[in-house]
Amino acid sequence: MRLSKECELLIDGYLARFRKCLAKNAIAQQDEIVREILMHIRECAEQPGVNVESVLRRLGPAEVLASQYGSEQLIRRAERAFSPLVILKATLELAKRGLMGSVLFLFALIGYMTGGGLIFTAMLKPFYPREVGLWAGAGFYFGYHEPAPPDGIHELLGNAYIPVTLCLGGLILCLTTLGMRWMIRRWKQPARGDSRFPALTTA
């Protein structure tokens, strides 16, 4: 069914606003996304009793639809990313969707803070040899301690603290990343219908 000129203008205006919100994406990717949205609008508008205005209204503002796409794109990137920043951003986005997402974000935050903290104390050890370490005796001290633990406390690692905590911190960061990638794939809230454009199924 051929759409009227007025309907074509409505679609063109909507897609122009949508494309403007995708400016951070490559041109080829913008073209692919816009083409997919256009096909969906046309398919819906050809159904009996449905018009272009109602399809666009159900899709929602172009800016909101583009934001939904950006969120889904971020989550898909996190499923195979090695960047803690990408994974934290993705789990924060999932945290807005429910309890499970909040749990994922909390686990990611704790894991990265723990691993990063260990590596940071290893870097501090050469500059603060008495304040950074692992001690045991009358008490137990680990990491950075100010003031330095009392003389009666025995330091267990000495300078070996540096390679041990670097390895342990790196291992925790790696396990956190791999664990978060697996959990995001398994427990992220699935979008209804097209996983790239959750709002497409509302029309």
N, C-alpha and C. Protein backbone atom coordinates (compact mmCIF):
# COMPACT_ATOMS: atom_id res chain seq x y z
N MET A 1 0.84 -1.19 0.00
CA MET A 1 0.00 0.00 0.00
C MET A 1 0.88 1.24 0.00
N ARG A 2 0.59 2.16 -0.92
CA ARG A 2 1.38 3.37 -1.02
C ARG A 2 0.86 4.40 -0.03
N LEU A 3 1.78 4.99 0.73
CA LEU A 3 1.39 5.98 1.73
C LEU A 3 1.24 7.35 1.06
N SER A 4 0.39 8.17 1.67
CA SER A 4 0.18 9.52 1.13
C SER A 4 1.41 10.39 1.35
N LYS A 5 1.46 11.49 0.63
CA LYS A 5 2.58 12.41 0.76
C LYS A 5 2.66 12.96 2.18
N GLU A 6 1.52 13.21 2.80
CA GLU A 6 1.49 13.73 4.16
C GLU A 6 2.09 12.72 5.14
N CYS A 7 1.76 11.44 4.94
CA CYS A 7 2.31 10.39 5.81
C CYS A 7 3.82 10.26 5.61
N GLU A 8 4.25 10.36 4.36
CA GLU A 8 5.68 10.28 4.08
C GLU A 8 6.44 11.41 4.76
N LEU A 9 5.83 12.61 4.77
CA LEU A 9 6.47 13.74 5.43
C LEU A 9 6.55 13.53 6.93
N LEU A 10 5.50 12.94 7.52
CA LEU A 10 5.52 12.64 8.95
C LEU A 10 6.65 11.66 9.29
N ILE A 11 6.76 10.63 8.46
CA ILE A 11 7.81 9.63 8.69
C ILE A 11 9.19 10.24 8.52
N ASP A 12 9.36 11.05 7.46
CA ASP A 12 10.66 11.68 7.21
C ASP A 12 11.06 12.58 8.38
N GLY A 13 10.11 13.33 8.91
CA GLY A 13 10.41 14.21 10.04
C GLY A 13 10.81 13.43 11.28
N TYR A 14 10.09 12.34 11.53
CA TYR A 14 10.39 11.50 12.70
C TYR A 14 11.77 10.88 12.56
N LEU A 15 12.06 10.34 11.39
CA LEU A 15 13.35 9.70 11.19
C LEU A 15 14.50 10.69 11.20
N ALA A 16 14.25 11.93 10.77
CA ALA A 16 15.29 12.95 10.80
C ALA A 16 15.67 13.27 12.25
N ARG A 17 14.66 13.38 13.11
CA ARG A 17 14.94 13.62 14.54
C ARG A 17 15.63 12.42 15.16
N PHE A 18 15.19 11.23 14.76
CA PHE A 18 15.81 10.01 15.28
C PHE A 18 17.27 9.91 14.88
N ARG A 19 17.55 10.18 13.60
CA ARG A 19 18.94 10.12 13.10
C ARG A 19 19.82 11.15 13.81
N LYS A 20 19.27 12.32 14.10
CA LYS A 20 20.04 13.36 14.76
C LYS A 20 20.53 12.90 16.13
N CYS A 21 19.72 12.08 16.79
CA CYS A 21 20.09 11.57 18.11
C CYS A 21 21.10 10.43 18.03
N LEU A 22 21.36 9.94 16.82
CA LEU A 22 22.33 8.86 16.63
C LEU A 22 23.66 9.37 16.11
N ALA A 23 23.89 10.66 16.30
CA ALA A 23 25.07 11.29 15.70
C ALA A 23 26.38 10.65 16.14
N LYS A 24 26.40 10.03 17.31
CA LYS A 24 27.64 9.42 17.81
C LYS A 24 27.98 8.12 17.08
N ASN A 25 27.02 7.56 16.37
CA ASN A 25 27.24 6.31 15.64
C ASN A 25 27.80 6.58 14.25
N ALA A 26 28.45 5.59 13.68
CA ALA A 26 28.98 5.72 12.32
C ALA A 26 27.83 5.89 11.33
N ILE A 27 28.12 6.56 10.21
CA ILE A 27 27.08 6.83 9.22
C ILE A 27 26.42 5.55 8.73
N ALA A 28 27.24 4.52 8.45
CA ALA A 28 26.70 3.25 7.96
C ALA A 28 25.76 2.63 9.00
N GLN A 29 26.14 2.75 10.27
CA GLN A 29 25.29 2.19 11.33
C GLN A 29 24.00 3.00 11.45
N GLN A 30 24.09 4.32 11.32
CA GLN A 30 22.90 5.16 11.34
C GLN A 30 21.93 4.74 10.23
N ASP A 31 22.48 4.54 9.03
CA ASP A 31 21.65 4.14 7.90
C ASP A 31 20.93 2.82 8.17
N GLU A 32 21.65 1.86 8.75
CA GLU A 32 21.06 0.56 9.03
C GLU A 32 19.93 0.68 10.06
N ILE A 33 20.17 1.45 11.10
CA ILE A 33 19.17 1.60 12.16
C ILE A 33 17.93 2.30 11.63
N VAL A 34 18.14 3.41 10.91
CA VAL A 34 17.02 4.18 10.36
C VAL A 34 16.23 3.33 9.37
N ARG A 35 16.93 2.55 8.55
CA ARG A 35 16.24 1.67 7.59
C ARG A 35 15.36 0.66 8.31
N GLU A 36 15.86 0.14 9.43
CA GLU A 36 15.08 -0.84 10.19
C GLU A 36 13.83 -0.21 10.79
N ILE A 37 13.98 1.00 11.31
CA ILE A 37 12.83 1.71 11.87
C ILE A 37 11.81 2.02 10.77
N LEU A 38 12.30 2.46 9.62
CA LEU A 38 11.41 2.79 8.50
C LEU A 38 10.61 1.58 8.06
N MET A 39 11.27 0.44 7.94
CA MET A 39 10.58 -0.79 7.54
C MET A 39 9.50 -1.15 8.54
N HIS A 40 9.82 -0.99 9.82
CA HIS A 40 8.84 -1.32 10.85
C HIS A 40 7.63 -0.39 10.76
N ILE A 41 7.87 0.91 10.58
CA ILE A 41 6.77 1.87 10.50
C ILE A 41 5.87 1.53 9.32
N ARG A 42 6.48 1.26 8.18
CA ARG A 42 5.69 0.96 6.97
C ARG A 42 4.89 -0.33 7.14
N GLU A 43 5.50 -1.36 7.71
CA GLU A 43 4.79 -2.62 7.91
C GLU A 43 3.59 -2.44 8.83
N CYS A 44 3.78 -1.68 9.89
CA CYS A 44 2.68 -1.45 10.83
C CYS A 44 1.58 -0.60 10.20
N ALA A 45 1.99 0.42 9.44
CA ALA A 45 1.02 1.33 8.83
C ALA A 45 0.17 0.64 7.77
N GLU A 46 0.65 -0.47 7.22
CA GLU A 46 -0.10 -1.19 6.18
C GLU A 46 -1.14 -2.14 6.76
N GLN A 47 -1.14 -2.31 8.08
CA GLN A 47 -2.13 -3.19 8.71
C GLN A 47 -3.49 -2.50 8.75
N PRO A 48 -4.58 -3.26 8.63
CA PRO A 48 -5.92 -2.68 8.65
C PRO A 48 -6.19 -1.92 9.94
N GLY A 49 -6.77 -0.75 9.80
CA GLY A 49 -7.14 0.03 10.97
C GLY A 49 -6.00 0.75 11.65
N VAL A 50 -4.80 0.74 11.03
CA VAL A 50 -3.63 1.39 11.63
C VAL A 50 -3.15 2.48 10.68
N ASN A 51 -2.80 3.64 11.23
CA ASN A 51 -2.25 4.71 10.40
C ASN A 51 -0.88 5.13 10.92
N VAL A 52 -0.21 5.95 10.13
CA VAL A 52 1.14 6.37 10.46
C VAL A 52 1.18 7.12 11.79
N GLU A 53 0.19 7.99 12.00
CA GLU A 53 0.18 8.78 13.24
C GLU A 53 0.15 7.89 14.47
N SER A 54 -0.68 6.85 14.44
CA SER A 54 -0.77 5.96 15.61
C SER A 54 0.52 5.16 15.80
N VAL A 55 1.16 4.76 14.69
CA VAL A 55 2.42 4.02 14.79
C VAL A 55 3.49 4.88 15.45
N LEU A 56 3.61 6.13 15.00
CA LEU A 56 4.62 7.02 15.56
C LEU A 56 4.31 7.36 17.01
N ARG A 57 3.02 7.48 17.32
CA ARG A 57 2.63 7.80 18.69
C ARG A 57 3.01 6.66 19.63
N ARG A 58 2.79 5.42 19.18
CA ARG A 58 3.12 4.27 20.02
C ARG A 58 4.63 4.07 20.15
N LEU A 59 5.36 4.42 19.11
CA LEU A 59 6.82 4.35 19.21
C LEU A 59 7.35 5.34 20.23
N GLY A 60 6.64 6.45 20.39
CA GLY A 60 7.09 7.47 21.32
C GLY A 60 7.99 8.48 20.63
N PRO A 61 8.40 9.53 21.35
CA PRO A 61 9.28 10.54 20.76
C PRO A 61 10.54 9.92 20.18
N ALA A 62 11.00 10.48 19.08
CA ALA A 62 12.20 9.95 18.42
C ALA A 62 13.40 9.97 19.36
N GLU A 63 13.48 11.00 20.21
CA GLU A 63 14.60 11.12 21.13
C GLU A 63 14.60 9.98 22.15
N VAL A 64 13.41 9.58 22.61
CA VAL A 64 13.29 8.50 23.59
C VAL A 64 13.65 7.16 22.95
N LEU A 65 13.18 6.95 21.74
CA LEU A 65 13.49 5.71 21.03
C LEU A 65 14.99 5.58 20.80
N ALA A 66 15.63 6.68 20.43
CA ALA A 66 17.08 6.65 20.22
C ALA A 66 17.82 6.37 21.53
N SER A 67 17.30 6.91 22.63
CA SER A 67 17.92 6.65 23.93
C SER A 67 17.79 5.18 24.31
N GLN A 68 16.62 4.58 24.02
CA GLN A 68 16.43 3.15 24.28
C GLN A 68 17.41 2.33 23.47
N TYR A 69 17.61 2.70 22.23
CA TYR A 69 18.57 1.99 21.40
C TYR A 69 19.97 2.11 21.99
N GLY A 70 20.35 3.33 22.44
CA GLY A 70 21.66 3.52 23.02
C GLY A 70 21.88 2.65 24.24
N SER A 71 20.84 2.51 25.06
CA SER A 71 20.95 1.67 26.26
C SER A 71 21.15 0.21 25.89
N GLU A 72 20.37 -0.27 24.94
CA GLU A 72 20.50 -1.67 24.51
C GLU A 72 21.86 -1.91 23.86
N GLN A 73 22.34 -0.94 23.10
CA GLN A 73 23.65 -1.07 22.47
C GLN A 73 24.76 -1.17 23.53
N LEU A 74 24.64 -0.36 24.59
CA LEU A 74 25.62 -0.39 25.68
C LEU A 74 25.64 -1.75 26.36
N ILE A 75 24.45 -2.31 26.60
CA ILE A 75 24.36 -3.62 27.27
C ILE A 75 24.95 -4.71 26.37
N ARG A 76 24.69 -4.64 25.08
CA ARG A 76 25.26 -5.63 24.17
C ARG A 76 26.79 -5.53 24.13
N ARG A 77 27.30 -4.31 24.18
CA ARG A 77 28.77 -4.13 24.22
C ARG A 77 29.36 -4.75 25.48
N ALA A 78 28.66 -4.58 26.60
CA ALA A 78 29.16 -5.08 27.88
C ALA A 78 29.25 -6.60 27.90
N GLU A 79 28.43 -7.28 27.09
CA GLU A 79 28.44 -8.74 27.07
C GLU A 79 29.76 -9.30 26.56
N ARG A 80 30.54 -8.48 25.86
CA ARG A 80 31.83 -8.96 25.32
C ARG A 80 32.97 -7.98 25.58
N ALA A 81 32.72 -7.02 26.48
CA ALA A 81 33.72 -5.99 26.75
C ALA A 81 34.71 -6.42 27.82
N PHE A 82 35.90 -5.82 27.78
CA PHE A 82 36.89 -6.02 28.82
C PHE A 82 37.07 -4.74 29.65
N SER A 83 36.41 -3.68 29.25
CA SER A 83 36.53 -2.41 29.95
C SER A 83 35.63 -2.38 31.18
N PRO A 84 36.20 -2.20 32.38
CA PRO A 84 35.36 -2.07 33.58
C PRO A 84 34.37 -0.92 33.48
N LEU A 85 34.78 0.17 32.81
CA LEU A 85 33.90 1.32 32.69
C LEU A 85 32.65 0.97 31.89
N VAL A 86 32.82 0.25 30.79
CA VAL A 86 31.67 -0.16 29.97
C VAL A 86 30.75 -1.07 30.77
N ILE A 87 31.33 -2.02 31.49
CA ILE A 87 30.52 -2.96 32.27
C ILE A 87 29.79 -2.25 33.40
N LEU A 88 30.46 -1.31 34.07
CA LEU A 88 29.80 -0.56 35.14
C LEU A 88 28.65 0.29 34.59
N LYS A 89 28.86 0.92 33.43
CA LYS A 89 27.80 1.71 32.82
C LYS A 89 26.60 0.83 32.45
N ALA A 90 26.90 -0.35 31.90
CA ALA A 90 25.83 -1.26 31.50
C ALA A 90 25.05 -1.78 32.70
N THR A 91 25.76 -2.16 33.77
CA THR A 91 25.06 -2.66 34.96
C THR A 91 24.30 -1.54 35.65
N LEU A 92 24.80 -0.32 35.56
CA LEU A 92 24.04 0.82 36.10
C LEU A 92 22.75 1.02 35.32
N GLU A 93 22.82 0.83 34.01
CA GLU A 93 21.61 0.91 33.18
C GLU A 93 20.63 -0.19 33.57
N LEU A 94 21.15 -1.41 33.78
CA LEU A 94 20.28 -2.51 34.19
C LEU A 94 19.71 -2.27 35.58
N ALA A 95 20.46 -1.57 36.43
CA ALA A 95 19.98 -1.28 37.79
C ALA A 95 18.72 -0.43 37.76
N LYS A 96 18.54 0.36 36.69
CA LYS A 96 17.34 1.18 36.56
C LYS A 96 16.11 0.36 36.22
N ARG A 97 16.33 -0.90 35.84
CA ARG A 97 15.23 -1.74 35.37
C ARG A 97 14.70 -2.70 36.43
N GLY A 98 15.39 -2.84 37.54
CA GLY A 98 14.88 -3.76 38.55
C GLY A 98 15.94 -4.22 39.53
N LEU A 99 15.50 -5.09 40.44
CA LEU A 99 16.35 -5.57 41.52
C LEU A 99 17.56 -6.34 41.01
N MET A 100 17.35 -7.23 40.03
CA MET A 100 18.46 -8.02 39.53
C MET A 100 19.56 -7.14 38.95
N GLY A 101 19.17 -6.10 38.23
CA GLY A 101 20.15 -5.18 37.69
C GLY A 101 20.91 -4.46 38.79
N SER A 102 20.21 -4.12 39.87
CA SER A 102 20.87 -3.47 41.01
C SER A 102 21.90 -4.39 41.64
N VAL A 103 21.55 -5.69 41.74
CA VAL A 103 22.48 -6.67 42.30
C VAL A 103 23.72 -6.79 41.41
N LEU A 104 23.52 -6.84 40.10
CA LEU A 104 24.65 -6.93 39.18
C LEU A 104 25.56 -5.72 39.33
N PHE A 105 24.96 -4.54 39.42
CA PHE A 105 25.77 -3.32 39.56
C PHE A 105 26.56 -3.35 40.87
N LEU A 106 25.93 -3.80 41.95
CA LEU A 106 26.61 -3.86 43.24
C LEU A 106 27.78 -4.84 43.20
N PHE A 107 27.56 -6.02 42.61
CA PHE A 107 28.64 -7.00 42.49
C PHE A 107 29.79 -6.44 41.67
N ALA A 108 29.46 -5.79 40.55
CA ALA A 108 30.51 -5.22 39.69
C ALA A 108 31.29 -4.15 40.44
N LEU A 109 30.60 -3.30 41.16
CA LEU A 109 31.25 -2.22 41.89
C LEU A 109 32.19 -2.77 42.97
N ILE A 110 31.70 -3.75 43.72
CA ILE A 110 32.53 -4.35 44.78
C ILE A 110 33.75 -5.04 44.18
N GLY A 111 33.55 -5.81 43.11
CA GLY A 111 34.65 -6.52 42.49
C GLY A 111 35.73 -5.59 41.96
N TYR A 112 35.31 -4.54 41.25
CA TYR A 112 36.29 -3.62 40.68
C TYR A 112 36.97 -2.77 41.75
N MET A 113 36.24 -2.40 42.79
CA MET A 113 36.85 -1.63 43.87
C MET A 113 37.87 -2.48 44.63
N THR A 114 37.53 -3.76 44.83
CA THR A 114 38.45 -4.65 45.54
C THR A 114 39.72 -4.88 44.74
N GLY A 115 39.57 -5.27 43.47
CA GLY A 115 40.74 -5.51 42.63
C GLY A 115 41.56 -4.26 42.42
N GLY A 116 40.88 -3.15 42.14
CA GLY A 116 41.59 -1.89 41.94
C GLY A 116 42.28 -1.42 43.21
N GLY A 117 41.63 -1.65 44.36
CA GLY A 117 42.23 -1.25 45.64
C GLY A 117 43.50 -2.02 45.93
N LEU A 118 43.51 -3.31 45.65
CA LEU A 118 44.71 -4.11 45.86
C LEU A 118 45.88 -3.62 45.00
N ILE A 119 45.58 -3.35 43.74
CA ILE A 119 46.62 -2.86 42.84
C ILE A 119 47.14 -1.49 43.31
N PHE A 120 46.22 -0.67 43.80
CA PHE A 120 46.61 0.66 44.26
C PHE A 120 47.54 0.57 45.47
N THR A 121 47.23 -0.34 46.41
CA THR A 121 48.12 -0.47 47.58
C THR A 121 49.48 -1.02 47.18
N ALA A 122 49.51 -1.89 46.16
CA ALA A 122 50.80 -2.39 45.67
C ALA A 122 51.65 -1.26 45.13
N MET A 123 51.02 -0.28 44.48
CA MET A 123 51.74 0.87 43.94
C MET A 123 52.21 1.80 45.06
N LEU A 124 51.49 1.79 46.19
CA LEU A 124 51.87 2.64 47.31
C LEU A 124 53.01 2.06 48.13
N LYS A 125 53.18 0.74 48.10
CA LYS A 125 54.14 0.05 48.96
C LYS A 125 55.56 0.63 48.89
N PRO A 126 56.11 0.92 47.71
CA PRO A 126 57.49 1.47 47.67
C PRO A 126 57.61 2.82 48.36
N PHE A 127 56.51 3.58 48.40
CA PHE A 127 56.56 4.92 48.98
C PHE A 127 56.21 4.92 50.48
N TYR A 128 55.42 3.93 50.89
CA TYR A 128 55.01 3.83 52.29
C TYR A 128 55.26 2.39 52.77
N PRO A 129 56.52 1.99 52.86
CA PRO A 129 56.84 0.58 53.18
C PRO A 129 56.34 0.14 54.55
N ARG A 130 56.29 1.05 55.53
CA ARG A 130 55.83 0.66 56.87
C ARG A 130 54.31 0.69 56.99
N GLU A 131 53.66 1.51 56.19
CA GLU A 131 52.20 1.68 56.31
C GLU A 131 51.43 0.71 55.44
N VAL A 132 52.07 0.11 54.43
CA VAL A 132 51.37 -0.78 53.50
C VAL A 132 51.93 -2.19 53.64
N GLY A 133 51.06 -3.17 53.81
CA GLY A 133 51.53 -4.54 53.92
C GLY A 133 50.47 -5.47 54.49
N LEU A 134 50.93 -6.65 54.90
CA LEU A 134 50.07 -7.65 55.54
C LEU A 134 50.74 -8.05 56.85
N TRP A 135 50.07 -7.79 57.96
CA TRP A 135 50.64 -8.05 59.27
C TRP A 135 49.73 -8.99 60.07
N ALA A 136 50.35 -9.74 60.96
CA ALA A 136 49.60 -10.61 61.86
C ALA A 136 50.33 -10.69 63.19
N GLY A 137 49.59 -10.96 64.23
CA GLY A 137 50.18 -11.04 65.57
C GLY A 137 49.08 -10.78 66.57
N ALA A 138 49.26 -9.74 67.39
CA ALA A 138 48.20 -9.36 68.33
C ALA A 138 46.97 -8.85 67.58
N GLY A 139 47.17 -8.44 66.35
CA GLY A 139 46.07 -7.98 65.51
C GLY A 139 46.34 -8.39 64.07
N PHE A 140 45.40 -8.08 63.19
CA PHE A 140 45.56 -8.41 61.77
C PHE A 140 45.35 -7.14 60.98
N TYR A 141 46.32 -6.80 60.13
CA TYR A 141 46.25 -5.58 59.34
C TYR A 141 46.57 -5.92 57.89
N PHE A 142 45.83 -5.27 56.99
CA PHE A 142 46.05 -5.55 55.57
C PHE A 142 45.86 -4.27 54.78
N GLY A 143 46.73 -4.06 53.79
CA GLY A 143 46.61 -2.88 52.94
C GLY A 143 47.33 -1.69 53.54
N TYR A 144 46.70 -0.54 53.42
CA TYR A 144 47.30 0.69 53.93
C TYR A 144 46.79 0.94 55.34
N HIS A 145 47.71 1.17 56.26
CA HIS A 145 47.32 1.41 57.65
C HIS A 145 48.09 2.61 58.18
N GLU A 146 47.36 3.61 58.64
CA GLU A 146 47.97 4.83 59.19
C GLU A 146 47.38 5.09 60.57
N PRO A 147 48.22 5.14 61.63
CA PRO A 147 49.69 4.98 61.57
C PRO A 147 50.08 3.53 61.32
N ALA A 148 51.36 3.32 61.07
CA ALA A 148 51.85 1.96 60.81
C ALA A 148 51.55 1.05 62.00
N PRO A 149 51.26 -0.23 61.76
CA PRO A 149 51.00 -1.16 62.87
C PRO A 149 52.16 -1.17 63.85
N PRO A 150 51.89 -1.47 65.14
CA PRO A 150 52.96 -1.48 66.15
C PRO A 150 54.08 -2.45 65.82
N ASP A 151 55.24 -2.23 66.41
CA ASP A 151 56.43 -3.03 66.10
C ASP A 151 56.24 -4.51 66.45
N GLY A 152 55.39 -4.81 67.42
CA GLY A 152 55.20 -6.20 67.81
C GLY A 152 54.43 -7.03 66.80
N ILE A 153 53.88 -6.39 65.79
CA ILE A 153 53.12 -7.09 64.76
C ILE A 153 54.09 -7.54 63.67
N HIS A 154 53.97 -8.78 63.25
CA HIS A 154 54.91 -9.36 62.28
C HIS A 154 54.37 -9.17 60.86
N GLU A 155 55.19 -8.57 60.00
CA GLU A 155 54.78 -8.41 58.60
C GLU A 155 55.03 -9.72 57.85
N LEU A 156 54.03 -10.22 57.19
CA LEU A 156 54.11 -11.54 56.58
C LEU A 156 54.75 -11.55 55.20
N LEU A 157 54.53 -10.50 54.42
CA LEU A 157 54.97 -10.53 53.03
C LEU A 157 56.19 -9.67 52.73
N GLY A 158 56.35 -8.59 53.41
CA GLY A 158 57.46 -7.69 53.09
C GLY A 158 57.32 -7.14 51.69
N ASN A 159 58.42 -7.10 50.95
CA ASN A 159 58.36 -6.57 49.58
C ASN A 159 57.60 -7.49 48.62
N ALA A 160 57.40 -8.74 49.04
CA ALA A 160 56.61 -9.66 48.20
C ALA A 160 55.15 -9.22 48.15
N TYR A 161 54.78 -8.29 49.01
CA TYR A 161 53.42 -7.76 48.99
C TYR A 161 53.07 -7.21 47.61
N ILE A 162 54.06 -6.60 46.95
CA ILE A 162 53.80 -5.95 45.66
C ILE A 162 53.37 -6.95 44.59
N PRO A 163 54.20 -7.98 44.29
CA PRO A 163 53.75 -8.92 43.25
C PRO A 163 52.52 -9.71 43.65
N VAL A 164 52.41 -10.04 44.94
CA VAL A 164 51.25 -10.83 45.39
C VAL A 164 49.96 -10.05 45.18
N THR A 165 49.93 -8.78 45.62
CA THR A 165 48.69 -8.00 45.50
C THR A 165 48.43 -7.58 44.05
N LEU A 166 49.50 -7.38 43.26
CA LEU A 166 49.28 -7.08 41.84
C LEU A 166 48.60 -8.26 41.15
N CYS A 167 49.10 -9.47 41.42
CA CYS A 167 48.51 -10.67 40.82
C CYS A 167 47.09 -10.90 41.33
N LEU A 168 46.91 -10.75 42.65
CA LEU A 168 45.58 -10.98 43.23
C LEU A 168 44.58 -9.94 42.74
N GLY A 169 45.02 -8.68 42.71
CA GLY A 169 44.14 -7.63 42.22
C GLY A 169 43.77 -7.83 40.76
N GLY A 170 44.78 -8.18 39.94
CA GLY A 170 44.51 -8.44 38.53
C GLY A 170 43.56 -9.61 38.33
N LEU A 171 43.73 -10.66 39.14
CA LEU A 171 42.86 -11.83 39.05
C LEU A 171 41.42 -11.46 39.41
N ILE A 172 41.26 -10.66 40.45
CA ILE A 172 39.91 -10.24 40.86
C ILE A 172 39.26 -9.40 39.77
N LEU A 173 40.03 -8.49 39.17
CA LEU A 173 39.48 -7.68 38.08
C LEU A 173 39.05 -8.55 36.91
N CYS A 174 39.89 -9.52 36.56
CA CYS A 174 39.59 -10.41 35.44
C CYS A 174 38.35 -11.25 35.74
N LEU A 175 38.29 -11.83 36.93
CA LEU A 175 37.13 -12.66 37.30
C LEU A 175 35.86 -11.83 37.37
N THR A 176 35.98 -10.60 37.86
CA THR A 176 34.81 -9.72 37.91
C THR A 176 34.30 -9.43 36.52
N THR A 177 35.21 -9.13 35.60
CA THR A 177 34.81 -8.84 34.22
C THR A 177 34.14 -10.04 33.56
N LEU A 178 34.77 -11.21 33.66
CA LEU A 178 34.20 -12.41 33.05
C LEU A 178 32.87 -12.78 33.71
N GLY A 179 32.81 -12.65 35.03
CA GLY A 179 31.57 -12.96 35.73
C GLY A 179 30.44 -12.02 35.36
N MET A 180 30.75 -10.73 35.26
CA MET A 180 29.73 -9.75 34.88
C MET A 180 29.25 -9.98 33.45
N ARG A 181 30.17 -10.29 32.56
CA ARG A 181 29.76 -10.56 31.17
C ARG A 181 28.80 -11.74 31.12
N TRP A 182 29.11 -12.79 31.87
CA TRP A 182 28.25 -13.96 31.88
C TRP A 182 26.89 -13.64 32.50
N MET A 183 26.90 -12.89 33.61
CA MET A 183 25.64 -12.59 34.30
C MET A 183 24.78 -11.62 33.50
N ILE A 184 25.41 -10.68 32.79
CA ILE A 184 24.63 -9.76 31.95
C ILE A 184 23.93 -10.53 30.85
N ARG A 185 24.66 -11.47 30.24
CA ARG A 185 24.04 -12.28 29.18
C ARG A 185 22.89 -13.13 29.73
N ARG A 186 23.06 -13.64 30.94
CA ARG A 186 22.07 -14.59 31.47
C ARG A 186 20.90 -13.90 32.15
N TRP A 187 21.16 -12.82 32.84
CA TRP A 187 20.12 -12.24 33.68
C TRP A 187 19.62 -10.87 33.28
N LYS A 188 20.14 -10.29 32.22
CA LYS A 188 19.63 -8.98 31.83
C LYS A 188 18.17 -9.11 31.47
N GLN A 189 17.41 -8.06 31.71
CA GLN A 189 15.99 -8.09 31.40
C GLN A 189 15.83 -8.06 29.89
N PRO A 190 15.24 -9.08 29.31
CA PRO A 190 15.11 -9.10 27.85
C PRO A 190 14.09 -8.10 27.37
N ALA A 191 14.44 -7.47 26.28
CA ALA A 191 13.47 -6.58 25.66
C ALA A 191 12.42 -7.42 24.96
N ARG A 192 11.19 -6.92 24.95
CA ARG A 192 10.12 -7.64 24.27
C ARG A 192 10.27 -7.45 22.76
N GLY A 193 10.26 -8.55 22.02
CA GLY A 193 10.36 -8.44 20.58
C GLY A 193 11.79 -8.21 20.14
N ASP A 194 12.02 -7.15 19.38
CA ASP A 194 13.33 -6.85 18.85
C ASP A 194 14.24 -6.38 19.98
N SER A 195 15.34 -7.08 20.22
CA SER A 195 16.22 -6.76 21.34
C SER A 195 16.93 -5.43 21.13
N ARG A 196 17.02 -4.97 19.92
CA ARG A 196 17.71 -3.71 19.67
C ARG A 196 16.79 -2.52 19.89
N PHE A 197 15.47 -2.72 19.62
CA PHE A 197 14.53 -1.62 19.74
C PHE A 197 13.32 -2.09 20.53
N PRO A 198 13.37 -2.00 21.88
CA PRO A 198 12.27 -2.49 22.70
C PRO A 198 10.93 -1.85 22.34
N ALA A 199 10.96 -0.58 21.94
CA ALA A 199 9.71 0.11 21.67
C ALA A 199 9.05 -0.33 20.37
N LEU A 200 9.76 -1.02 19.51
CA LEU A 200 9.18 -1.42 18.24
C LEU A 200 7.96 -2.32 18.42
N THR A 201 7.94 -3.13 19.47
CA THR A 201 6.85 -4.07 19.67
C THR A 201 5.62 -3.40 20.25
N THR A 202 5.71 -2.11 20.58
CA THR A 202 4.54 -1.44 21.13
C THR A 202 3.58 -1.02 20.05
N ALA A 203 4.05 -0.99 18.81
CA ALA A 203 3.19 -0.56 17.72
C ALA A 203 2.36 -1.70 17.18
